[in-house]
Amino acid sequence: VINYIHPYTPNIVPVGGIHINPQTSPVPQDVLKFMDDAKEGFIYFGLGSLVPTHLMPNEVLNIFINVFRKLPQRVLWKIDSRNLSNLPSNVMTKPWTPQLNVL
């Protein structure tokens, strides 16, 4: 993880990784199978919680879908609940995944 430079007083010691929760959620079986069967590898694609994909126009979503269609890798796409009927076979969508465990 890359951090920006912060001024610290001499009595502060930054400890990396202290925010990571040791209690993690298991990866769902369908996601595990999707990743394990990916002969060319897989890509985790998520825009974070600040970009609500349910508000994106269909034209933007179709651009993503058309790019994913051309990739040899499988794509695990974290996307808000939405019915996307034109997904290629190399794309799986989920409204949530345990990102740290997937990566």
Protein backbone atom coordinates (compact mmCIF):
# COMPACT_ATOMS: atom_id res chain seq x y z
CA VAL A 1 0.00 0.00 0.00
CA ILE A 2 1.30 3.41 -0.89
CA ASN A 3 0.79 6.13 1.67
CA TYR A 4 1.42 9.81 1.41
CA ILE A 5 3.98 11.45 3.65
CA HIS A 6 2.50 12.51 6.99
CA PRO A 7 4.25 14.48 9.69
CA TYR A 8 4.31 12.50 12.93
CA THR A 9 5.41 13.51 16.39
CA PRO A 10 8.15 11.32 17.89
CA ASN A 11 5.71 9.36 20.07
CA ILE A 12 3.62 8.07 17.11
CA VAL A 13 4.59 4.88 15.33
CA PRO A 14 2.57 4.01 12.20
CA VAL A 15 1.59 0.33 12.11
CA GLY A 16 0.69 -1.00 8.68
CA GLY A 17 -2.17 -3.45 8.29
CA ILE A 18 -3.75 -2.76 11.67
CA HIS A 19 -7.04 -2.02 9.88
CA ILE A 20 -7.23 -5.52 8.37
CA ASN A 21 -9.83 -7.70 10.05
CA PRO A 22 -8.59 -11.24 10.76
CA GLN A 23 -12.18 -12.49 10.67
CA THR A 24 -12.79 -12.78 6.94
CA SER A 25 -15.78 -14.00 5.00
CA PRO A 26 -15.40 -17.13 2.89
CA VAL A 27 -15.52 -16.80 -0.88
CA PRO A 28 -18.81 -18.23 -2.23
CA GLN A 29 -18.45 -21.60 -3.97
CA ASP A 30 -19.72 -20.34 -7.34
CA VAL A 31 -17.11 -17.57 -7.30
CA LEU A 32 -14.35 -20.02 -6.32
CA LYS A 33 -15.28 -22.33 -9.19
CA PHE A 34 -15.42 -19.40 -11.63
CA MET A 35 -11.91 -18.32 -10.59
CA ASP A 36 -10.44 -21.84 -10.42
CA ASP A 37 -11.70 -22.69 -13.92
CA ALA A 38 -10.16 -19.54 -15.43
CA LYS A 39 -7.38 -20.93 -17.64
CA GLU A 40 -6.16 -17.44 -18.59
CA GLY A 41 -6.57 -15.97 -15.10
CA PHE A 42 -9.24 -13.63 -13.84
CA ILE A 43 -9.76 -9.93 -13.29
CA TYR A 44 -11.59 -8.49 -10.31
CA PHE A 45 -13.35 -5.33 -11.49
CA GLY A 46 -15.01 -3.07 -8.93
CA LEU A 47 -15.53 0.66 -8.93
CA GLY A 48 -15.75 0.93 -5.17
CA SER A 49 -18.65 2.06 -3.05
CA LEU A 50 -18.44 5.67 -4.21
CA VAL A 51 -19.49 4.88 -7.79
CA PRO A 52 -23.09 3.64 -7.78
CA THR A 53 -23.33 1.45 -10.87
CA HIS A 54 -27.12 1.35 -10.67
CA LEU A 55 -27.08 5.02 -11.71
CA MET A 56 -24.84 4.45 -14.74
CA PRO A 57 -26.46 4.76 -18.14
CA ASN A 58 -26.77 1.55 -20.15
CA GLU A 59 -24.39 2.96 -22.75
CA VAL A 60 -21.56 3.08 -20.18
CA LEU A 61 -22.30 -0.43 -18.92
CA ASN A 62 -22.33 -1.71 -22.50
CA ILE A 63 -18.87 -0.23 -23.06
CA PHE A 64 -17.57 -2.25 -20.10
CA ILE A 65 -19.34 -5.38 -21.34
CA ASN A 66 -17.92 -5.03 -24.85
CA VAL A 67 -14.39 -4.61 -23.48
CA PHE A 68 -14.79 -7.61 -21.15
CA ARG A 69 -16.07 -9.68 -24.09
CA LYS A 70 -12.74 -9.20 -25.89
CA LEU A 71 -10.60 -10.35 -22.95
CA PRO A 72 -9.22 -13.89 -22.66
CA GLN A 73 -9.46 -13.67 -18.86
CA ARG A 74 -12.57 -14.18 -16.81
CA VAL A 75 -13.96 -11.06 -15.13
CA LEU A 76 -15.53 -10.98 -11.69
CA TRP A 77 -17.48 -7.72 -11.75
CA LYS A 78 -18.69 -6.19 -8.50
CA ILE A 79 -21.81 -4.34 -9.62
CA ASP A 80 -25.00 -3.23 -7.89
CA SER A 81 -28.03 -5.39 -8.52
CA ARG A 82 -29.04 -4.98 -12.11
CA ASN A 83 -30.32 -7.33 -14.79
CA LEU A 84 -27.70 -7.41 -17.55
CA SER A 85 -28.91 -9.74 -20.26
CA ASN A 86 -26.02 -9.36 -22.70
CA LEU A 87 -23.17 -10.58 -20.49
CA PRO A 88 -20.50 -12.69 -22.19
CA SER A 89 -19.70 -16.11 -20.73
CA ASN A 90 -16.38 -14.88 -19.28
CA VAL A 91 -18.13 -12.38 -16.94
CA MET A 92 -19.70 -13.05 -13.55
CA THR A 93 -21.48 -10.25 -11.70
CA LYS A 94 -22.00 -10.05 -7.96
CA PRO A 95 -23.44 -7.24 -5.82
CA TRP A 96 -20.82 -8.06 -3.17
CA THR A 97 -17.78 -10.30 -2.77
CA PRO A 98 -15.18 -10.57 0.00
CA GLN A 99 -12.64 -8.60 -2.03
CA LEU A 100 -9.58 -9.28 0.13
CA ASN A 101 -10.20 -13.04 0.03
CA VAL A 102 -10.82 -13.01 -3.70
CA LEU A 103 -7.58 -11.17 -4.37
